[in-house]
Amino acid sequence: MLQMRPCCECCGRDLAPSATDALICSFECTFCSDCNARILHGRCPNCGGTLSARPTRSAEALARHPASTERIVKPGGCA
């Protein structure tokens, strides 16, 4: 099950579990579409993997399996 991390690792922007502009790699590193467009260009800066749209989770499923609250933000961003 995906962790559904709560923020972009580059800029720290909040990304709700319902966010349709969140992107992840196969290790679940999480980024916003703005950082992807400006800096990442579809590649995870941590592992080099492809970034894909993060699936959303229904409210019912979130009640049973809550999103992560652990905020991971790269010191200095992704520049």
Protein backbone atom coordinates (compact mmCIF):
# COMPACT_ATOMS: atom_id res chain seq x y z
CA MET A 1 0.00 0.00 0.00
CA LEU A 2 1.30 3.48 -0.87
CA GLN A 3 2.42 5.71 1.99
CA MET A 4 0.70 8.73 0.40
CA ARG A 5 3.38 11.13 1.67
CA PRO A 6 2.00 14.55 2.61
CA CYS A 7 4.33 16.92 0.77
CA CYS A 8 6.69 17.55 -2.12
CA GLU A 9 10.25 16.51 -1.29
CA CYS A 10 11.65 19.47 -3.25
CA CYS A 11 9.64 22.47 -2.05
CA GLY A 12 7.64 21.13 0.92
CA ARG A 13 4.28 22.01 -0.66
CA ASP A 14 1.36 20.14 0.92
CA LEU A 15 -0.06 17.34 -1.23
CA ALA A 16 -3.35 15.97 0.06
CA PRO A 17 -4.16 12.30 -0.56
CA SER A 18 -6.70 13.54 -3.12
CA ALA A 19 -4.14 15.72 -4.96
CA THR A 20 -4.14 14.99 -8.67
CA ASP A 21 -0.85 16.84 -9.26
CA ALA A 22 1.31 14.62 -7.03
CA LEU A 23 3.97 12.46 -8.69
CA ILE A 24 5.86 9.45 -7.31
CA CYS A 25 8.69 7.13 -8.32
CA SER A 26 8.78 3.39 -7.64
CA PHE A 27 10.25 4.11 -4.16
CA GLU A 28 7.31 6.45 -3.39
CA CYS A 29 9.44 9.59 -3.38
CA THR A 30 6.82 12.31 -3.79
CA PHE A 31 6.93 15.56 -5.77
CA CYS A 32 4.53 18.24 -6.98
CA SER A 33 3.86 18.92 -10.65
CA ASP A 34 5.43 22.40 -10.40
CA CYS A 35 8.80 21.03 -9.28
CA ASN A 36 8.55 18.32 -11.92
CA ALA A 37 7.95 20.90 -14.67
CA ARG A 38 10.65 23.32 -13.47
CA ILE A 39 13.41 21.01 -12.21
CA LEU A 40 12.84 17.27 -12.39
CA HIS A 41 11.48 16.72 -15.91
CA GLY A 42 10.04 13.29 -15.08
CA ARG A 43 13.05 11.88 -13.18
CA CYS A 44 13.35 11.26 -9.45
CA PRO A 45 16.40 13.10 -8.07
CA ASN A 46 16.89 10.37 -5.47
CA CYS A 47 16.92 7.20 -7.58
CA GLY A 48 16.76 8.40 -11.20
CA GLY A 49 13.49 6.54 -11.74
CA THR A 50 10.53 7.74 -13.76
CA LEU A 51 7.94 9.93 -12.03
CA SER A 52 4.31 8.94 -12.54
CA ALA A 53 1.00 10.34 -11.35
CA ARG A 54 0.31 9.25 -7.79
CA PRO A 55 -3.03 7.43 -7.48
CA THR A 56 -5.63 8.96 -5.19
CA ARG A 57 -7.30 7.10 -2.33
CA SER A 58 -11.02 7.21 -1.60
CA ALA A 59 -12.25 8.74 1.66
CA GLU A 60 -13.48 5.32 2.78
CA ALA A 61 -10.08 3.75 2.16
CA LEU A 62 -8.32 6.68 3.86
CA ALA A 63 -10.41 6.09 6.97
CA ARG A 64 -9.13 2.51 7.14
CA HIS A 65 -5.63 3.20 5.82
CA PRO A 66 -4.60 6.81 6.56
CA ALA A 67 -2.00 8.68 4.55
CA SER A 68 1.46 9.15 6.03
CA THR A 69 2.13 12.23 8.15
CA GLU A 70 5.92 11.98 7.82
CA ARG A 71 7.21 15.03 5.94
CA ILE A 72 10.33 14.36 3.87
CA VAL A 73 11.89 17.48 2.34
CA LYS A 74 15.36 17.60 0.79
CA PRO A 75 17.57 20.20 2.51
CA GLY A 76 18.09 22.93 -0.08
CA GLY A 77 15.34 21.56 -2.33
CA CYS A 78 16.07 19.78 -5.60
CA ALA A 79 18.11 22.48 -7.34
